[in-house]
C-alpha cells in the first residue's frame, strides 16, 4: 500500500492506494504531520508514498513523512510514463504531469485531451505515440468570478457550487455575471475540444478536477469525466518508478 499526496493551489488531497485501487481519500485545507500520523496508524501496511505540490511545502512536514515511509517527491527529474516534449520542463506544473499520467492509464495509445478543472483550467495533449506536446492554461470558474469582483468597484462576488446553472440572458447583475462566466467557460471548453478534434483524429477527452461535475453535465462534446485524476496519475508515476 502507498500514500499519495497532491498539494494543490486551493486544497490538499491525500489518498491511500492498494496497487491501483484507491482505498481511502481525504481533502483538507492544510496538511499536518498529525494527520499523516493518524492515516498511517490506520493503514500500517503503507511503506512508500509520493508527493506533488504546486505550493511551498514546509521542511518539517517532509521530514516527518520521510521518517515513516519512503517518500518520492515529484520534480522535473522524476522518470515519467510518457515522453515529455514540453520545452520548459522545469515550469510544467506537477498537477499537469500527474493528470497526464492518469489519463494515459485510462486510455493508452490514444490521442488524448486532458482537461483539469480546478483553480485553473488546464488543457494537456498526449498523442497516440505516448508523447506529451503541451496544452493551455486559463482561469478556472472561481478565478473568473473573483476577478470580476476584484477588478471592478461594484460587481459582487458569486460563490460557485456544484449546482451552478444559468440562463443565457441574465435579467439582473448577479444573473448577468453567472451567464457571462458559466456560458463563457462552457463555450471556451467546447470550442477548444472541437479544435483539438480537428487536428488530432480519434481524440478522446477526459475532464477531471474540482469542477468536473459542472462540465460533465453541460458540455456538448462527449467526454469521460472522472474525479481525482491527479491522485490516480501520481499513483501511476509511483508504480512506474518502482519498476525502474
C-alpha atoms as a PDB file:
ATOM      1  CA  UNK A   1       0.000   0.000   0.000  1.00  0.00           C
ATOM      2  CA  UNK A   2       1.133   3.555  -0.627  1.00  0.00           C
ATOM      3  CA  UNK A   3       0.368   7.130   0.362  1.00  0.00           C
ATOM      4  CA  UNK A   4      -0.363   9.645  -2.409  1.00  0.00           C
ATOM      5  CA  UNK A   5      -0.366  13.386  -1.684  1.00  0.00           C
ATOM      6  CA  UNK A   6      -1.494  16.145  -4.055  1.00  0.00           C
ATOM      7  CA  UNK A   7      -0.944  19.652  -2.656  1.00  0.00           C
ATOM      8  CA  UNK A   8      -2.859  21.952  -4.983  1.00  0.00           C
ATOM      9  CA  UNK A   9      -3.393  25.691  -5.072  1.00  0.00           C
ATOM     10  CA  UNK A  10      -6.575  25.515  -3.008  1.00  0.00           C
ATOM     11  CA  UNK A  11      -6.802  22.114  -1.337  1.00  0.00           C
ATOM     12  CA  UNK A  12      -4.561  19.226  -0.373  1.00  0.00           C
ATOM     13  CA  UNK A  13      -5.805  15.770  -1.316  1.00  0.00           C
ATOM     14  CA  UNK A  14      -4.433  12.629   0.294  1.00  0.00           C
ATOM     15  CA  UNK A  15      -5.205   9.059  -0.718  1.00  0.00           C
ATOM     16  CA  UNK A  16      -4.164   5.543   0.200  1.00  0.00           C
ATOM     17  CA  UNK A  17      -3.776   3.146  -2.720  1.00  0.00           C
ATOM     18  CA  UNK A  18      -3.620  -0.624  -2.725  1.00  0.00           C
ATOM     19  CA  UNK A  19      -1.872  -1.220  -6.063  1.00  0.00           C
ATOM     20  CA  UNK A  20      -4.239   0.630  -8.457  1.00  0.00           C
ATOM     21  CA  UNK A  21      -7.259   0.840  -6.135  1.00  0.00           C
ATOM     22  CA  UNK A  22      -7.908   3.937  -4.027  1.00  0.00           C
ATOM     23  CA  UNK A  23      -8.997   2.677  -0.610  1.00  0.00           C
ATOM     24  CA  UNK A  24      -9.161   5.975   1.309  1.00  0.00           C
ATOM     25  CA  UNK A  25      -9.327   9.665   0.464  1.00  0.00           C
ATOM     26  CA  UNK A  26      -9.371  12.977   2.333  1.00  0.00           C
ATOM     27  CA  UNK A  27      -9.448  16.581   1.145  1.00  0.00           C
ATOM     28  CA  UNK A  28      -8.250  19.316   3.511  1.00  0.00           C
ATOM     29  CA  UNK A  29      -7.131  22.935   3.539  1.00  0.00           C
ATOM     30  CA  UNK A  30      -3.745  22.234   5.120  1.00  0.00           C
ATOM     31  CA  UNK A  31      -1.809  19.025   5.717  1.00  0.00           C
ATOM     32  CA  UNK A  32      -0.108  18.434   9.065  1.00  0.00           C
ATOM     33  CA  UNK A  33       2.216  15.725  10.470  1.00  0.00           C
ATOM     34  CA  UNK A  34      -0.564  14.777  12.895  1.00  0.00           C
ATOM     35  CA  UNK A  35      -2.940  13.995  10.028  1.00  0.00           C
ATOM     36  CA  UNK A  36      -0.303  11.860   8.332  1.00  0.00           C
ATOM     37  CA  UNK A  37       0.418  10.003  11.581  1.00  0.00           C
ATOM     38  CA  UNK A  38      -3.279   9.251  12.042  1.00  0.00           C
ATOM     39  CA  UNK A  39      -3.608   7.951   8.480  1.00  0.00           C
ATOM     40  CA  UNK A  40      -0.500   5.783   8.751  1.00  0.00           C
ATOM     41  CA  UNK A  41      -1.750   4.371  12.043  1.00  0.00           C
ATOM     42  CA  UNK A  42      -4.975   3.362  10.264  1.00  0.00           C
ATOM     43  CA  UNK A  43      -3.008   1.795   7.389  1.00  0.00           C
ATOM     44  CA  UNK A  44       0.174   0.280   8.881  1.00  0.00           C
ATOM     45  CA  UNK A  45       0.922  -1.529   5.605  1.00  0.00           C
ATOM     46  CA  UNK A  46       1.738   1.788   3.915  1.00  0.00           C
ATOM     47  CA  UNK A  47       5.518   1.765   3.424  1.00  0.00           C
ATOM     48  CA  UNK A  48       6.029   4.101   0.478  1.00  0.00           C
ATOM     49  CA  UNK A  49       4.449   7.225  -0.970  1.00  0.00           C
ATOM     50  CA  UNK A  50       4.615  10.052  -3.479  1.00  0.00           C
ATOM     51  CA  UNK A  51       4.045  13.775  -3.052  1.00  0.00           C
ATOM     52  CA  UNK A  52       3.469  16.515  -5.617  1.00  0.00           C
ATOM     53  CA  UNK A  53       2.956  20.154  -4.743  1.00  0.00           C
ATOM     54  CA  UNK A  54       2.349  23.390  -6.631  1.00  0.00           C
ATOM     55  CA  UNK A  55       2.955  25.330  -3.402  1.00  0.00           C
ATOM     56  CA  UNK A  56       5.749  25.623  -0.845  1.00  0.00           C
ATOM     57  CA  UNK A  57       5.987  22.602   1.450  1.00  0.00           C
ATOM     58  CA  UNK A  58       7.284  23.019   4.989  1.00  0.00           C
ATOM     59  CA  UNK A  59      10.536  21.140   5.582  1.00  0.00           C
ATOM     60  CA  UNK A  60       9.192  19.775   8.873  1.00  0.00           C
ATOM     61  CA  UNK A  61       6.307  18.101   7.059  1.00  0.00           C
ATOM     62  CA  UNK A  62       8.658  16.457   4.561  1.00  0.00           C
ATOM     63  CA  UNK A  63      10.944  15.239   7.344  1.00  0.00           C
ATOM     64  CA  UNK A  64       8.003  13.878   9.314  1.00  0.00           C
ATOM     65  CA  UNK A  65       6.614  11.869   6.396  1.00  0.00           C
ATOM     66  CA  UNK A  66      10.054  10.699   5.210  1.00  0.00           C
ATOM     67  CA  UNK A  67      10.865   9.403   8.684  1.00  0.00           C
ATOM     68  CA  UNK A  68       7.969   6.969   8.461  1.00  0.00           C
ATOM     69  CA  UNK A  69       7.797   5.909   4.807  1.00  0.00           C
ATOM     70  CA  UNK A  70       9.962   6.028   1.693  1.00  0.00           C
ATOM     71  CA  UNK A  71       8.716   9.206   0.007  1.00  0.00           C
ATOM     72  CA  UNK A  72       9.154  10.086  -3.677  1.00  0.00           C
ATOM     73  CA  UNK A  73       8.843  13.828  -4.289  1.00  0.00           C
ATOM     74  CA  UNK A  74       7.783  14.529  -7.847  1.00  0.00           C
ATOM     75  CA  UNK A  75      10.086  17.009  -9.600  1.00  0.00           C
ATOM     76  CA  UNK A  76      11.408  17.760 -13.086  1.00  0.00           C
ATOM     77  CA  UNK A  77      13.917  14.886 -12.875  1.00  0.00           C
ATOM     78  CA  UNK A  78      11.411  12.165 -11.921  1.00  0.00           C
ATOM     79  CA  UNK A  79      11.086   9.453 -14.616  1.00  0.00           C
ATOM     80  CA  UNK A  80       7.616   9.569 -16.194  1.00  0.00           C
ATOM     81  CA  UNK A  81       5.472   7.005 -18.045  1.00  0.00           C
ATOM     82  CA  UNK A  82       5.338   9.193 -21.171  1.00  0.00           C
ATOM     83  CA  UNK A  83       7.682  11.098 -23.499  1.00  0.00           C
ATOM     84  CA  UNK A  84       7.774  14.710 -22.375  1.00  0.00           C
ATOM     85  CA  UNK A  85       8.111  17.088 -25.360  1.00  0.00           C
ATOM     86  CA  UNK A  86       7.381  20.213 -23.298  1.00  0.00           C
ATOM     87  CA  UNK A  87      10.123  22.789 -23.859  1.00  0.00           C
ATOM     88  CA  UNK A  88      10.208  24.305 -20.347  1.00  0.00           C
ATOM     89  CA  UNK A  89      10.020  21.104 -18.324  1.00  0.00           C
ATOM     90  CA  UNK A  90      11.063  22.821 -15.094  1.00  0.00           C
ATOM     91  CA  UNK A  91       7.988  25.052 -15.238  1.00  0.00           C
ATOM     92  CA  UNK A  92       5.482  22.317 -16.088  1.00  0.00           C
ATOM     93  CA  UNK A  93       3.095  22.036 -13.148  1.00  0.00           C
ATOM     94  CA  UNK A  94       3.271  18.746 -11.309  1.00  0.00           C
ATOM     95  CA  UNK A  95      -0.523  18.570 -11.251  1.00  0.00           C
ATOM     96  CA  UNK A  96      -0.482  18.589 -15.063  1.00  0.00           C
ATOM     97  CA  UNK A  97       2.223  15.904 -15.141  1.00  0.00           C
ATOM     98  CA  UNK A  98       0.165  13.700 -12.850  1.00  0.00           C
ATOM     99  CA  UNK A  99      -3.074  14.273 -14.767  1.00  0.00           C
ATOM    100  CA  UNK A 100      -1.333  13.264 -17.994  1.00  0.00           C
ATOM    101  CA  UNK A 101      -0.051  10.058 -16.377  1.00  0.00           C
ATOM    102  CA  UNK A 102      -3.522   9.199 -15.072  1.00  0.00           C
ATOM    103  CA  UNK A 103      -5.103   9.795 -18.474  1.00  0.00           C
ATOM    104  CA  UNK A 104      -2.642   7.502 -20.241  1.00  0.00           C
ATOM    105  CA  UNK A 105      -3.521   4.758 -17.778  1.00  0.00           C
ATOM    106  CA  UNK A 106      -7.229   5.141 -18.660  1.00  0.00           C
ATOM    107  CA  UNK A 107      -6.816   5.402 -22.457  1.00  0.00           C
ATOM    108  CA  UNK A 108      -3.410   4.032 -23.525  1.00  0.00           C
ATOM    109  CA  UNK A 109      -2.277   4.543 -27.130  1.00  0.00           C
ATOM    110  CA  UNK A 110      -4.870   7.191 -27.961  1.00  0.00           C
ATOM    111  CA  UNK A 111      -4.811  10.862 -28.840  1.00  0.00           C
ATOM    112  CA  UNK A 112      -5.947  12.389 -25.550  1.00  0.00           C
ATOM    113  CA  UNK A 113      -7.002  15.811 -24.350  1.00  0.00           C
ATOM    114  CA  UNK A 114      -6.908  16.094 -20.557  1.00  0.00           C
ATOM    115  CA  UNK A 115      -8.862  18.974 -19.042  1.00  0.00           C
ATOM    116  CA  UNK A 116      -8.318  19.582 -15.344  1.00  0.00           C
ATOM    117  CA  UNK A 117     -10.922  21.987 -13.960  1.00  0.00           C
ATOM    118  CA  UNK A 118      -9.595  23.374 -10.702  1.00  0.00           C
ATOM    119  CA  UNK A 119      -8.227  26.759  -9.664  1.00  0.00           C
ATOM    120  CA  UNK A 120      -7.017  26.986 -13.244  1.00  0.00           C
ATOM    121  CA  UNK A 121      -8.446  25.288 -16.294  1.00  0.00           C
ATOM    122  CA  UNK A 122      -5.648  23.303 -17.931  1.00  0.00           C
ATOM    123  CA  UNK A 123      -5.593  21.559 -21.294  1.00  0.00           C
ATOM    124  CA  UNK A 124      -2.977  18.887 -21.997  1.00  0.00           C
ATOM    125  CA  UNK A 125      -2.450  16.918 -25.218  1.00  0.00           C
ATOM    126  CA  UNK A 126      -0.945  13.422 -25.395  1.00  0.00           C
ATOM    127  CA  UNK A 127      -0.554  11.684 -28.734  1.00  0.00           C
ATOM    128  CA  UNK A 128      -1.257   8.030 -29.506  1.00  0.00           C
ATOM    129  CA  UNK A 129       2.538   7.604 -29.575  1.00  0.00           C
ATOM    130  CA  UNK A 130       2.617   8.432 -25.824  1.00  0.00           C
ATOM    131  CA  UNK A 131       4.179  11.866 -26.374  1.00  0.00           C
ATOM    132  CA  UNK A 132       3.102  14.903 -24.360  1.00  0.00           C
ATOM    133  CA  UNK A 133       3.145  18.017 -26.557  1.00  0.00           C
ATOM    134  CA  UNK A 134       1.800  20.731 -24.255  1.00  0.00           C
ATOM    135  CA  UNK A 135      -1.548  22.469 -23.968  1.00  0.00           C
ATOM    136  CA  UNK A 136      -3.090  25.574 -22.467  1.00  0.00           C
ATOM    137  CA  UNK A 137      -3.897  27.306 -19.183  1.00  0.00           C
ATOM    138  CA  UNK A 138      -6.799  29.646 -18.482  1.00  0.00           C
ATOM    139  CA  UNK A 139      -8.656  30.858 -15.360  1.00  0.00           C
ATOM    140  CA  UNK A 140     -10.983  28.407 -13.624  1.00  0.00           C
ATOM    141  CA  UNK A 141     -14.587  29.126 -12.656  1.00  0.00           C
ATOM    142  CA  UNK A 142     -13.864  30.544  -9.195  1.00  0.00           C
ATOM    143  CA  UNK A 143     -10.993  32.656 -10.504  1.00  0.00           C
ATOM    144  CA  UNK A 144     -13.292  34.214 -13.108  1.00  0.00           C
ATOM    145  CA  UNK A 145     -15.887  35.145 -10.508  1.00  0.00           C
ATOM    146  CA  UNK A 146     -13.164  36.537  -8.217  1.00  0.00           C
ATOM    147  CA  UNK A 147     -11.553  38.624 -10.940  1.00  0.00           C
ATOM    148  CA  UNK A 148     -14.833  40.353 -11.829  1.00  0.00           C
ATOM    149  CA  UNK A 149     -15.266  41.304  -8.174  1.00  0.00           C
ATOM    150  CA  UNK A 150     -11.619  42.243  -7.567  1.00  0.00           C
ATOM    151  CA  UNK A 151     -11.091  44.412 -10.630  1.00  0.00           C
ATOM    152  CA  UNK A 152     -14.362  46.333 -10.525  1.00  0.00           C
ATOM    153  CA  UNK A 153     -15.848  48.594  -7.863  1.00  0.00           C
ATOM    154  CA  UNK A 154     -19.450  47.364  -7.849  1.00  0.00           C
ATOM    155  CA  UNK A 155     -19.702  43.814  -9.169  1.00  0.00           C
ATOM    156  CA  UNK A 156     -20.407  41.291  -6.366  1.00  0.00           C
ATOM    157  CA  UNK A 157     -18.520  38.055  -5.810  1.00  0.00           C
ATOM    158  CA  UNK A 158     -20.571  34.970  -6.592  1.00  0.00           C
ATOM    159  CA  UNK A 159     -19.678  31.800  -4.729  1.00  0.00           C
ATOM    160  CA  UNK A 160     -19.655  28.862  -7.163  1.00  0.00           C
ATOM    161  CA  UNK A 161     -21.030  25.471  -6.160  1.00  0.00           C
ATOM    162  CA  UNK A 162     -21.828  22.097  -7.738  1.00  0.00           C
ATOM    163  CA  UNK A 163     -25.388  23.155  -8.585  1.00  0.00           C
ATOM    164  CA  UNK A 164     -24.449  26.205 -10.655  1.00  0.00           C
ATOM    165  CA  UNK A 165     -26.676  26.799 -13.651  1.00  0.00           C
ATOM    166  CA  UNK A 166     -27.643  29.837 -15.632  1.00  0.00           C
ATOM    167  CA  UNK A 167     -29.769  31.191 -18.436  1.00  0.00           C
ATOM    168  CA  UNK A 168     -28.200  32.794 -21.469  1.00  0.00           C
ATOM    169  CA  UNK A 169     -29.842  36.159 -20.773  1.00  0.00           C
ATOM    170  CA  UNK A 170     -29.148  37.498 -17.280  1.00  0.00           C
ATOM    171  CA  UNK A 171     -32.072  39.637 -16.058  1.00  0.00           C
ATOM    172  CA  UNK A 172     -30.096  41.298 -13.233  1.00  0.00           C
ATOM    173  CA  UNK A 173     -26.443  41.931 -12.380  1.00  0.00           C
ATOM    174  CA  UNK A 174     -25.903  38.679 -10.495  1.00  0.00           C
ATOM    175  CA  UNK A 175     -27.520  36.615 -13.238  1.00  0.00           C
ATOM    176  CA  UNK A 176     -25.537  38.532 -15.876  1.00  0.00           C
ATOM    177  CA  UNK A 177     -22.291  37.595 -14.125  1.00  0.00           C
ATOM    178  CA  UNK A 178     -23.448  33.982 -13.896  1.00  0.00           C
ATOM    179  CA  UNK A 179     -24.318  33.967 -17.586  1.00  0.00           C
ATOM    180  CA  UNK A 180     -21.056  35.543 -18.659  1.00  0.00           C
ATOM    181  CA  UNK A 181     -18.814  33.297 -16.570  1.00  0.00           C
ATOM    182  CA  UNK A 182     -20.608  29.966 -16.902  1.00  0.00           C
ATOM    183  CA  UNK A 183     -21.747  30.201 -20.518  1.00  0.00           C
ATOM    184  CA  UNK A 184     -18.395  31.701 -21.423  1.00  0.00           C
ATOM    185  CA  UNK A 185     -16.348  28.901 -19.900  1.00  0.00           C
ATOM    186  CA  UNK A 186     -18.558  26.225 -21.486  1.00  0.00           C
ATOM    187  CA  UNK A 187     -18.179  27.846 -24.894  1.00  0.00           C
ATOM    188  CA  UNK A 188     -14.426  28.035 -24.361  1.00  0.00           C
ATOM    189  CA  UNK A 189     -14.076  24.369 -23.438  1.00  0.00           C
ATOM    190  CA  UNK A 190     -16.381  23.083 -26.178  1.00  0.00           C
ATOM    191  CA  UNK A 191     -14.577  25.265 -28.717  1.00  0.00           C
ATOM    192  CA  UNK A 192     -11.130  24.102 -27.605  1.00  0.00           C
ATOM    193  CA  UNK A 193     -12.211  20.451 -27.757  1.00  0.00           C
ATOM    194  CA  UNK A 194     -13.554  20.966 -31.280  1.00  0.00           C
ATOM    195  CA  UNK A 195     -10.259  22.493 -32.423  1.00  0.00           C
ATOM    196  CA  UNK A 196      -8.212  19.644 -30.954  1.00  0.00           C
ATOM    197  CA  UNK A 197     -10.537  17.090 -32.574  1.00  0.00           C
ATOM    198  CA  UNK A 198      -9.940  18.605 -35.990  1.00  0.00           C
ATOM    199  CA  UNK A 199      -6.185  18.391 -35.527  1.00  0.00           C
ATOM    200  CA  UNK A 200      -5.898  15.012 -33.758  1.00  0.00           C
ATOM    201  CA  UNK A 201      -8.112  12.242 -35.214  1.00  0.00           C
ATOM    202  CA  UNK A 202      -9.951   9.938 -32.834  1.00  0.00           C
ATOM    203  CA  UNK A 203      -9.292  12.264 -29.906  1.00  0.00           C
ATOM    204  CA  UNK A 204     -10.665  11.222 -26.525  1.00  0.00           C
ATOM    205  CA  UNK A 205     -11.306  13.878 -23.875  1.00  0.00           C
ATOM    206  CA  UNK A 206     -11.001  13.400 -20.128  1.00  0.00           C
ATOM    207  CA  UNK A 207     -12.269  16.022 -17.667  1.00  0.00           C
ATOM    208  CA  UNK A 208     -11.308  15.974 -14.005  1.00  0.00           C
ATOM    209  CA  UNK A 209     -10.653  18.388 -11.141  1.00  0.00           C
ATOM    210  CA  UNK A 210     -12.803  20.032  -8.501  1.00  0.00           C
ATOM    211  CA  UNK A 211     -15.289  21.471 -11.022  1.00  0.00           C
ATOM    212  CA  UNK A 212     -15.501  18.422 -13.280  1.00  0.00           C
ATOM    213  CA  UNK A 213     -19.190  17.810 -12.493  1.00  0.00           C
ATOM    214  CA  UNK A 214     -20.207  21.150 -13.992  1.00  0.00           C
ATOM    215  CA  UNK A 215     -18.574  20.300 -17.310  1.00  0.00           C
ATOM    216  CA  UNK A 216     -19.812  16.706 -17.229  1.00  0.00           C
ATOM    217  CA  UNK A 217     -23.410  17.960 -17.110  1.00  0.00           C
ATOM    218  CA  UNK A 218     -23.196  20.828 -19.570  1.00  0.00           C
ATOM    219  CA  UNK A 219     -20.665  20.290 -22.373  1.00  0.00           C
ATOM    220  CA  UNK A 220     -21.899  19.468 -25.864  1.00  0.00           C
ATOM    221  CA  UNK A 221     -18.874  17.261 -26.593  1.00  0.00           C
ATOM    222  CA  UNK A 222     -18.683  13.678 -25.394  1.00  0.00           C
ATOM    223  CA  UNK A 223     -16.185  13.394 -22.547  1.00  0.00           C
ATOM    224  CA  UNK A 224     -15.044  10.904 -19.932  1.00  0.00           C
ATOM    225  CA  UNK A 225     -15.423  12.611 -16.560  1.00  0.00           C
ATOM    226  CA  UNK A 226     -13.556  11.313 -13.531  1.00  0.00           C
ATOM    227  CA  UNK A 227     -12.624  12.827 -10.178  1.00  0.00           C
ATOM    228  CA  UNK A 228      -9.107  12.889  -8.752  1.00  0.00           C
ATOM    229  CA  UNK A 229      -7.146  12.092 -11.901  1.00  0.00           C
ATOM    230  CA  UNK A 230      -4.124  13.817 -10.353  1.00  0.00           C
ATOM    231  CA  UNK A 231      -4.085  11.354  -7.450  1.00  0.00           C
ATOM    232  CA  UNK A 232      -4.536   8.434  -9.823  1.00  0.00           C
ATOM    233  CA  UNK A 233      -1.748   9.777 -12.016  1.00  0.00           C
ATOM    234  CA  UNK A 234       0.598  10.187  -9.057  1.00  0.00           C
ATOM    235  CA  UNK A 235      -0.062   6.566  -8.179  1.00  0.00           C
ATOM    236  CA  UNK A 236       0.836   5.606 -11.771  1.00  0.00           C
ATOM    237  CA  UNK A 237       4.082   7.599 -11.564  1.00  0.00           C
ATOM    238  CA  UNK A 238       4.932   5.896  -8.264  1.00  0.00           C
ATOM    239  CA  UNK A 239       4.277   2.455  -9.755  1.00  0.00           C
ATOM    240  CA  UNK A 240       6.323   3.335 -12.843  1.00  0.00           C
ATOM    241  CA  UNK A 241       9.303   4.345 -10.685  1.00  0.00           C
ATOM    242  CA  UNK A 242       9.058   1.174  -8.612  1.00  0.00           C
ATOM    243  CA  UNK A 243       9.615  -0.800 -11.820  1.00  0.00           C
ATOM    244  CA  UNK A 244      12.560   1.366 -12.957  1.00  0.00           C
END
